[in-house]
């Protein structure tokens, strides 16, 4: 098994990587909103305009998410931080490689047109 396929047990993203936890949490939140919007719209469509129903569904989704999706939310947040740190590490590695290329003795004073 390649080393890139292995993840430690404490990895916030789980075995499929950090993006999966974030995607799962987002899709569950969207499904919860869609389901609650449809139910509220079917119950109150004659008395309440749809924007008010959408706001009520949004509040309901937030409360249900806080109560029942807390663990998944924590994993998604940790995965987001992990992805952000990986991006910063790649940026720093690229900057360091660029600095090394600029400091080589043969590159001083030359432009790409001179080479």
N, C-alpha and C. Protein backbone atom coordinates (compact mmCIF):
# COMPACT_ATOMS: atom_id res chain seq x y z
N UNK A 1 0.85 -1.18 0.00
CA UNK A 1 0.00 0.00 0.00
C UNK A 1 0.89 1.24 0.00
N UNK A 2 0.68 2.19 -0.90
CA UNK A 2 1.49 3.40 -0.93
C UNK A 2 1.31 4.22 0.33
N UNK A 3 2.34 4.94 0.68
CA UNK A 3 2.31 5.74 1.91
C UNK A 3 1.26 6.84 1.85
N UNK A 4 0.94 7.34 0.64
CA UNK A 4 -0.04 8.42 0.53
C UNK A 4 -1.45 7.96 0.82
N UNK A 5 -1.72 6.64 0.73
CA UNK A 5 -3.06 6.12 1.02
C UNK A 5 -3.28 5.87 2.50
N UNK A 6 -2.22 5.89 3.29
CA UNK A 6 -2.34 5.62 4.70
C UNK A 6 -2.54 6.91 5.46
N UNK A 7 -3.47 6.88 6.42
CA UNK A 7 -3.68 8.04 7.27
C UNK A 7 -3.67 7.58 8.71
N UNK A 8 -3.17 8.39 9.62
CA UNK A 8 -3.18 8.00 11.03
C UNK A 8 -4.59 7.97 11.58
N UNK A 9 -4.75 7.24 12.66
CA UNK A 9 -6.08 7.11 13.28
C UNK A 9 -6.63 8.45 13.76
N UNK A 10 -5.76 9.37 14.17
CA UNK A 10 -6.22 10.65 14.69
C UNK A 10 -6.51 11.67 13.61
N UNK A 11 -6.44 11.29 12.35
CA UNK A 11 -6.67 12.21 11.24
C UNK A 11 -8.10 12.71 11.26
N UNK A 12 -8.33 14.02 11.33
CA UNK A 12 -9.70 14.53 11.42
C UNK A 12 -10.53 14.25 10.17
N UNK A 13 -9.89 14.04 9.05
CA UNK A 13 -10.64 13.78 7.83
C UNK A 13 -11.00 12.34 7.64
N UNK A 14 -10.42 11.43 8.40
CA UNK A 14 -10.69 10.02 8.26
C UNK A 14 -9.86 9.43 7.14
N UNK A 15 -10.17 8.19 6.77
CA UNK A 15 -9.34 7.49 5.81
C UNK A 15 -9.40 8.05 4.40
N UNK A 16 -10.42 8.78 4.06
CA UNK A 16 -10.55 9.29 2.69
C UNK A 16 -9.98 10.68 2.53
N UNK A 17 -9.40 11.24 3.56
CA UNK A 17 -8.80 12.56 3.45
C UNK A 17 -9.66 13.62 4.10
N UNK A 18 -9.08 14.80 4.27
CA UNK A 18 -9.78 15.86 4.99
C UNK A 18 -10.96 16.44 4.24
N UNK A 19 -10.96 16.37 2.93
CA UNK A 19 -12.06 16.94 2.16
C UNK A 19 -13.37 16.20 2.33
N UNK A 20 -13.29 14.91 2.66
CA UNK A 20 -14.51 14.11 2.77
C UNK A 20 -15.38 14.56 3.95
N UNK A 21 -14.77 14.86 5.09
CA UNK A 21 -15.54 15.30 6.26
C UNK A 21 -16.23 16.62 5.96
N UNK A 22 -15.54 17.51 5.29
CA UNK A 22 -16.11 18.80 4.94
C UNK A 22 -17.26 18.65 3.94
N UNK A 23 -17.08 17.80 2.96
CA UNK A 23 -18.12 17.55 1.97
C UNK A 23 -19.34 16.89 2.60
N UNK A 24 -19.11 15.91 3.47
CA UNK A 24 -20.22 15.23 4.13
C UNK A 24 -21.03 16.19 4.98
N UNK A 25 -20.36 17.02 5.76
CA UNK A 25 -21.05 17.99 6.61
C UNK A 25 -21.86 18.98 5.78
N UNK A 26 -21.26 19.47 4.70
CA UNK A 26 -21.95 20.43 3.84
C UNK A 26 -23.18 19.81 3.19
N UNK A 27 -23.04 18.60 2.68
CA UNK A 27 -24.18 17.94 2.03
C UNK A 27 -25.29 17.62 3.02
N UNK A 28 -24.93 17.23 4.24
CA UNK A 28 -25.96 16.98 5.25
C UNK A 28 -26.69 18.25 5.62
N UNK A 29 -25.97 19.36 5.75
CA UNK A 29 -26.62 20.63 6.06
C UNK A 29 -27.57 21.05 4.93
N UNK A 30 -27.12 20.90 3.68
CA UNK A 30 -27.98 21.25 2.55
C UNK A 30 -29.22 20.36 2.49
N UNK A 31 -29.05 19.06 2.73
CA UNK A 31 -30.18 18.14 2.70
C UNK A 31 -31.16 18.47 3.83
N UNK A 32 -30.63 18.81 5.00
CA UNK A 32 -31.49 19.18 6.12
C UNK A 32 -32.29 20.44 5.81
N UNK A 33 -31.63 21.42 5.19
CA UNK A 33 -32.33 22.65 4.82
C UNK A 33 -33.41 22.37 3.78
N UNK A 34 -33.06 21.60 2.76
CA UNK A 34 -34.04 21.29 1.70
C UNK A 34 -35.24 20.54 2.26
N UNK A 35 -34.97 19.56 3.10
CA UNK A 35 -36.07 18.79 3.69
C UNK A 35 -36.96 19.63 4.58
N UNK A 36 -36.35 20.45 5.43
CA UNK A 36 -37.16 21.28 6.31
C UNK A 36 -37.92 22.35 5.53
N UNK A 37 -37.31 22.88 4.47
CA UNK A 37 -38.01 23.87 3.65
C UNK A 37 -39.24 23.26 2.99
N UNK A 38 -39.09 22.07 2.44
CA UNK A 38 -40.22 21.41 1.76
C UNK A 38 -41.34 21.12 2.75
N UNK A 39 -40.99 20.61 3.93
CA UNK A 39 -42.03 20.29 4.93
C UNK A 39 -42.74 21.57 5.38
N UNK A 40 -41.98 22.61 5.70
CA UNK A 40 -42.59 23.87 6.13
C UNK A 40 -43.41 24.51 5.01
N UNK A 41 -42.94 24.42 3.78
CA UNK A 41 -43.68 24.99 2.67
C UNK A 41 -45.00 24.25 2.46
N UNK A 42 -44.97 22.92 2.57
CA UNK A 42 -46.21 22.16 2.43
C UNK A 42 -47.21 22.48 3.54
N UNK A 43 -46.71 22.73 4.74
CA UNK A 43 -47.61 23.02 5.86
C UNK A 43 -48.14 24.45 5.85
N UNK A 44 -47.31 25.42 5.48
CA UNK A 44 -47.68 26.83 5.66
C UNK A 44 -47.71 27.65 4.38
N UNK A 45 -47.73 27.05 3.21
CA UNK A 45 -47.62 27.80 1.96
C UNK A 45 -48.78 28.77 1.73
N UNK A 46 -49.94 28.47 2.28
CA UNK A 46 -51.08 29.36 2.04
C UNK A 46 -51.07 30.58 2.95
N UNK A 47 -50.39 30.51 4.10
CA UNK A 47 -50.41 31.62 5.05
C UNK A 47 -49.12 32.43 5.09
N UNK A 48 -47.99 31.81 4.72
CA UNK A 48 -46.68 32.46 4.89
C UNK A 48 -45.98 32.51 3.54
N UNK A 49 -45.40 33.66 3.17
CA UNK A 49 -44.65 33.73 1.91
C UNK A 49 -43.38 32.87 1.96
N UNK A 50 -42.93 32.43 0.79
CA UNK A 50 -41.81 31.50 0.75
C UNK A 50 -40.50 32.05 1.32
N UNK A 51 -40.19 33.36 1.21
CA UNK A 51 -38.95 33.83 1.85
C UNK A 51 -38.96 33.65 3.38
N UNK A 52 -40.12 33.85 3.98
CA UNK A 52 -40.23 33.65 5.43
C UNK A 52 -40.08 32.18 5.78
N UNK A 53 -40.62 31.32 4.93
CA UNK A 53 -40.46 29.88 5.14
C UNK A 53 -38.99 29.49 5.02
N UNK A 54 -38.29 30.10 4.06
CA UNK A 54 -36.86 29.81 3.87
C UNK A 54 -36.07 30.23 5.10
N UNK A 55 -36.38 31.40 5.66
CA UNK A 55 -35.70 31.86 6.88
C UNK A 55 -35.98 30.94 8.07
N UNK A 56 -37.22 30.52 8.20
CA UNK A 56 -37.58 29.61 9.28
C UNK A 56 -36.86 28.26 9.10
N UNK A 57 -36.78 27.79 7.87
CA UNK A 57 -36.07 26.53 7.60
C UNK A 57 -34.58 26.69 7.90
N UNK A 58 -34.03 27.86 7.62
CA UNK A 58 -32.62 28.11 7.91
C UNK A 58 -32.36 28.08 9.42
N UNK A 59 -33.23 28.70 10.19
CA UNK A 59 -33.08 28.69 11.65
C UNK A 59 -33.24 27.27 12.19
N UNK A 60 -34.23 26.55 11.69
CA UNK A 60 -34.45 25.17 12.11
C UNK A 60 -33.23 24.31 11.80
N UNK A 61 -32.66 24.49 10.60
CA UNK A 61 -31.48 23.73 10.19
C UNK A 61 -30.30 24.04 11.10
N UNK A 62 -30.11 25.29 11.46
CA UNK A 62 -29.00 25.66 12.34
C UNK A 62 -29.14 25.01 13.71
N UNK A 63 -30.34 25.01 14.26
CA UNK A 63 -30.56 24.41 15.58
C UNK A 63 -30.34 22.90 15.53
N UNK A 64 -30.90 22.24 14.53
CA UNK A 64 -30.74 20.79 14.40
C UNK A 64 -29.27 20.45 14.17
N UNK A 65 -28.58 21.26 13.39
CA UNK A 65 -27.17 21.02 13.13
C UNK A 65 -26.35 21.15 14.41
N UNK A 66 -26.64 22.16 15.22
CA UNK A 66 -25.92 22.32 16.47
C UNK A 66 -26.17 21.15 17.42
N UNK A 67 -27.36 20.63 17.42
CA UNK A 67 -27.70 19.55 18.33
C UNK A 67 -27.20 18.19 17.86
N UNK A 68 -27.34 17.90 16.58
CA UNK A 68 -27.10 16.54 16.11
C UNK A 68 -25.87 16.36 15.23
N UNK A 69 -25.33 17.42 14.70
CA UNK A 69 -24.17 17.29 13.81
C UNK A 69 -22.91 17.89 14.43
N UNK A 70 -22.87 17.96 15.74
CA UNK A 70 -21.73 18.59 16.42
C UNK A 70 -20.42 17.86 16.15
N UNK A 71 -20.43 16.53 16.23
CA UNK A 71 -19.20 15.77 16.02
C UNK A 71 -18.70 15.92 14.58
N UNK A 72 -19.63 15.85 13.65
CA UNK A 72 -19.26 16.02 12.24
C UNK A 72 -18.79 17.44 11.95
N UNK A 73 -19.40 18.40 12.62
CA UNK A 73 -18.98 19.79 12.46
C UNK A 73 -17.56 19.99 12.97
N UNK A 74 -17.24 19.37 14.08
CA UNK A 74 -15.89 19.46 14.64
C UNK A 74 -14.88 18.83 13.68
N UNK A 75 -15.23 17.67 13.12
CA UNK A 75 -14.34 17.02 12.16
C UNK A 75 -14.17 17.86 10.91
N UNK A 76 -15.24 18.47 10.44
CA UNK A 76 -15.16 19.31 9.24
C UNK A 76 -14.30 20.54 9.50
N UNK A 77 -14.42 21.13 10.68
CA UNK A 77 -13.59 22.28 11.03
C UNK A 77 -12.12 21.91 11.11
N UNK A 78 -11.83 20.75 11.70
CA UNK A 78 -10.44 20.28 11.79
C UNK A 78 -9.90 19.98 10.39
N UNK A 79 -10.76 19.42 9.54
CA UNK A 79 -10.34 19.13 8.16
C UNK A 79 -10.05 20.42 7.40
N UNK A 80 -10.86 21.43 7.63
CA UNK A 80 -10.64 22.71 6.97
C UNK A 80 -9.31 23.33 7.41
N UNK A 81 -9.01 23.23 8.70
CA UNK A 81 -7.73 23.73 9.20
C UNK A 81 -6.56 22.94 8.60
N UNK A 82 -6.75 21.63 8.47
CA UNK A 82 -5.70 20.79 7.90
C UNK A 82 -5.46 21.16 6.43
N UNK A 83 -6.52 21.38 5.68
CA UNK A 83 -6.36 21.78 4.28
C UNK A 83 -5.69 23.15 4.18
N UNK A 84 -6.05 24.05 5.07
CA UNK A 84 -5.45 25.38 5.07
C UNK A 84 -3.95 25.31 5.38
N UNK A 85 -3.60 24.48 6.37
CA UNK A 85 -2.19 24.34 6.74
C UNK A 85 -1.40 23.68 5.61
N UNK A 86 -1.99 22.71 4.93
CA UNK A 86 -1.31 22.06 3.81
C UNK A 86 -1.05 23.08 2.69
N UNK A 87 -2.00 23.96 2.45
CA UNK A 87 -1.82 25.01 1.45
C UNK A 87 -0.71 25.97 1.84
N UNK A 88 -0.66 26.33 3.12
CA UNK A 88 0.41 27.21 3.59
C UNK A 88 1.77 26.53 3.46
N UNK A 89 1.82 25.23 3.79
CA UNK A 89 3.08 24.49 3.68
C UNK A 89 3.56 24.45 2.23
N UNK A 90 2.64 24.22 1.29
CA UNK A 90 3.01 24.20 -0.13
C UNK A 90 3.52 25.57 -0.58
N UNK A 91 2.87 26.62 -0.11
CA UNK A 91 3.29 27.98 -0.46
C UNK A 91 4.69 28.27 0.08
N UNK A 92 4.93 27.91 1.32
CA UNK A 92 6.25 28.13 1.92
C UNK A 92 7.32 27.31 1.20
N UNK A 93 7.00 26.08 0.81
CA UNK A 93 7.96 25.25 0.08
C UNK A 93 8.28 25.88 -1.28
N UNK A 94 7.27 26.42 -1.94
CA UNK A 94 7.49 27.07 -3.24
C UNK A 94 8.34 28.33 -3.07
N UNK A 95 8.08 29.09 -2.01
CA UNK A 95 8.88 30.29 -1.74
C UNK A 95 10.33 29.92 -1.45
N UNK A 96 10.52 28.87 -0.65
CA UNK A 96 11.88 28.45 -0.31
C UNK A 96 12.62 27.95 -1.55
N UNK A 97 11.93 27.22 -2.42
CA UNK A 97 12.56 26.73 -3.64
C UNK A 97 12.91 27.89 -4.56
N UNK A 98 12.06 28.90 -4.60
CA UNK A 98 12.33 30.07 -5.43
C UNK A 98 13.53 30.84 -4.89
N UNK A 99 13.63 30.95 -3.57
CA UNK A 99 14.78 31.63 -2.96
C UNK A 99 16.07 30.89 -3.26
N UNK A 100 16.04 29.56 -3.22
CA UNK A 100 17.23 28.76 -3.51
C UNK A 100 17.65 28.96 -4.96
N UNK A 101 16.70 28.98 -5.88
CA UNK A 101 17.02 29.20 -7.30
C UNK A 101 17.64 30.57 -7.52
N UNK A 102 17.15 31.57 -6.82
CA UNK A 102 17.67 32.94 -6.99
C UNK A 102 19.07 33.09 -6.40
N UNK A 103 19.41 32.29 -5.39
CA UNK A 103 20.69 32.42 -4.70
C UNK A 103 21.82 31.64 -5.36
N UNK A 104 21.56 30.82 -6.37
CA UNK A 104 22.61 30.04 -7.02
C UNK A 104 23.59 30.98 -7.71
N UNK A 105 24.90 30.68 -7.66
CA UNK A 105 25.91 31.60 -8.22
C UNK A 105 25.75 31.85 -9.71
N UNK A 106 25.32 30.90 -10.48
CA UNK A 106 25.19 31.08 -11.92
C UNK A 106 24.02 31.95 -12.34
N UNK A 107 23.12 32.22 -11.43
CA UNK A 107 21.89 32.97 -11.78
C UNK A 107 22.01 34.46 -11.47
N UNK A 108 23.09 34.90 -10.86
CA UNK A 108 23.16 36.30 -10.44
C UNK A 108 23.37 37.21 -11.66
N UNK A 109 22.54 38.21 -11.72
CA UNK A 109 22.66 39.21 -12.78
C UNK A 109 22.11 38.78 -14.11
N UNK A 110 21.56 37.58 -14.20
CA UNK A 110 21.02 37.13 -15.48
C UNK A 110 19.50 37.26 -15.46
N UNK A 111 18.99 37.61 -16.60
CA UNK A 111 17.55 37.62 -16.78
C UNK A 111 17.22 36.46 -17.70
N UNK A 112 15.95 36.07 -17.80
CA UNK A 112 15.61 34.97 -18.69
C UNK A 112 16.01 35.25 -20.15
N UNK A 113 16.06 36.51 -20.56
CA UNK A 113 16.45 36.85 -21.94
C UNK A 113 17.96 36.65 -22.14
N UNK A 114 18.77 36.83 -21.08
CA UNK A 114 20.21 36.67 -21.16
C UNK A 114 20.62 35.20 -21.20
N UNK A 115 19.82 34.31 -20.63
CA UNK A 115 20.22 32.89 -20.50
C UNK A 115 20.19 32.16 -21.79
